[in-house]
Amino acid sequence: MTDESEEEQASAGLDQLTPEQYETFQQLNTIYRDKFGFPFIMAVREESVETIQNAMEKRIDHSTSEEFQTALDEVNVIAKLRLEELVATSEEQDS
């Protein structure tokens, strides 16, 4: 996992799950990966643990093609947020 991913997950509280929440996320991740063949992808920056869990539960019911498109959309959101942050940081350094 990249440093950026770890920071984003921490901002959502995923690094402070209770044992019960951790187990739930492990189970959902296993179900998701078994069904779709790729990991759950979501732009989690500034989201809550509950929002992320609800999204996982909802998206597990998607068809493979629908979920593949949703995952691609989330990758685009993540890339956009990271690029915006890089540009802002670069502009601050140039000032």
Protein backbone atom coordinates (compact mmCIF):
# COMPACT_ATOMS: atom_id res chain seq x y z
CA MET A 1 0.00 0.00 0.00
CA THR A 2 1.31 3.47 -0.84
CA ASP A 3 1.94 6.17 1.73
CA GLU A 4 -0.94 8.12 0.19
CA SER A 5 -3.31 5.18 0.61
CA GLU A 6 -2.29 4.74 4.23
CA GLU A 7 -2.84 8.45 4.93
CA GLU A 8 -6.24 8.40 3.24
CA GLN A 9 -7.34 5.31 5.14
CA ALA A 10 -6.16 6.85 8.41
CA SER A 11 -8.13 10.03 7.65
CA ALA A 12 -11.25 7.85 7.45
CA GLY A 13 -10.47 6.12 10.74
CA LEU A 14 -9.69 2.76 9.18
CA ASP A 15 -6.53 2.55 11.26
CA GLN A 16 -8.57 2.73 14.48
CA LEU A 17 -11.21 0.05 13.97
CA THR A 18 -12.60 -1.86 16.91
CA PRO A 19 -11.94 -5.61 16.80
CA GLU A 20 -15.56 -6.13 15.70
CA GLN A 21 -15.28 -3.54 12.92
CA TYR A 22 -11.98 -5.04 11.80
CA GLU A 23 -13.55 -8.50 11.55
CA THR A 24 -16.51 -7.10 9.60
CA PHE A 25 -14.19 -5.34 7.14
CA GLN A 26 -12.10 -8.50 6.75
CA GLN A 27 -15.23 -10.52 5.95
CA LEU A 28 -16.57 -7.92 3.51
CA ASN A 29 -13.19 -7.64 1.77
CA THR A 30 -13.03 -11.42 1.38
CA ILE A 31 -16.56 -11.63 -0.02
CA TYR A 32 -15.87 -8.72 -2.36
CA ARG A 33 -12.56 -10.07 -3.69
CA ASP A 34 -14.00 -13.58 -4.11
CA LYS A 35 -16.94 -12.22 -6.10
CA PHE A 36 -15.19 -9.66 -8.29
CA GLY A 37 -11.57 -10.82 -8.40
CA PHE A 38 -10.12 -7.44 -7.47
CA PRO A 39 -9.87 -5.44 -4.23
CA PHE A 40 -12.49 -3.00 -3.01
CA ILE A 41 -11.57 0.49 -4.21
CA MET A 42 -13.10 3.65 -2.79
CA ALA A 43 -11.97 7.23 -2.40
CA VAL A 44 -12.12 7.21 1.40
CA ARG A 45 -10.54 10.57 2.18
CA GLU A 46 -12.82 12.32 4.69
CA GLU A 47 -15.35 9.47 4.70
CA SER A 48 -16.48 7.72 7.87
CA VAL A 49 -16.02 4.06 8.75
CA GLU A 50 -19.80 3.65 8.59
CA THR A 51 -20.02 5.21 5.11
CA ILE A 52 -17.27 2.93 3.82
CA GLN A 53 -18.86 -0.17 5.34
CA ASN A 54 -22.26 0.75 3.89
CA ALA A 55 -20.69 1.25 0.46
CA MET A 56 -19.01 -2.15 0.64
CA GLU A 57 -22.25 -3.85 1.64
CA LYS A 58 -24.16 -2.14 -1.18
CA ARG A 59 -21.53 -2.68 -3.86
CA ILE A 60 -21.24 -6.42 -3.15
CA ASP A 61 -24.70 -6.70 -4.73
CA HIS A 62 -23.51 -5.11 -8.01
CA SER A 63 -22.97 -7.12 -11.15
CA THR A 64 -19.33 -7.60 -12.09
CA SER A 65 -19.56 -5.12 -14.97
CA GLU A 66 -21.32 -2.53 -12.81
CA GLU A 67 -18.76 -2.90 -10.03
CA PHE A 68 -15.83 -2.76 -12.43
CA GLN A 69 -17.12 0.60 -13.68
CA THR A 70 -17.70 1.82 -10.11
CA ALA A 71 -14.15 0.82 -9.16
CA LEU A 72 -12.76 2.67 -12.20
CA ASP A 73 -14.77 5.74 -11.25
CA GLU A 74 -13.31 5.57 -7.73
CA VAL A 75 -9.77 5.27 -9.14
CA ASN A 76 -10.45 8.46 -11.11
CA VAL A 77 -11.65 10.27 -7.98
CA ILE A 78 -8.57 9.13 -6.05
CA ALA A 79 -6.25 10.26 -8.85
CA LYS A 80 -8.01 13.63 -9.12
CA LEU A 81 -7.75 14.27 -5.37
CA ARG A 82 -4.08 13.30 -5.28
CA LEU A 83 -3.23 15.41 -8.32
CA GLU A 84 -5.04 18.42 -6.87
CA GLU A 85 -3.03 18.00 -3.68
CA LEU A 86 0.25 17.78 -5.60
CA VAL A 87 -0.56 20.89 -7.62
CA ALA A 88 -1.56 22.83 -4.51
CA THR A 89 1.64 21.78 -2.73
CA SER A 90 3.73 22.73 -5.76
CA GLU A 91 2.05 26.14 -6.00
CA GLU A 92 2.68 26.77 -2.30
CA GLN A 93 6.36 25.93 -2.73
CA ASP A 94 6.61 28.25 -5.75
CA SER A 95 5.14 31.17 -3.79
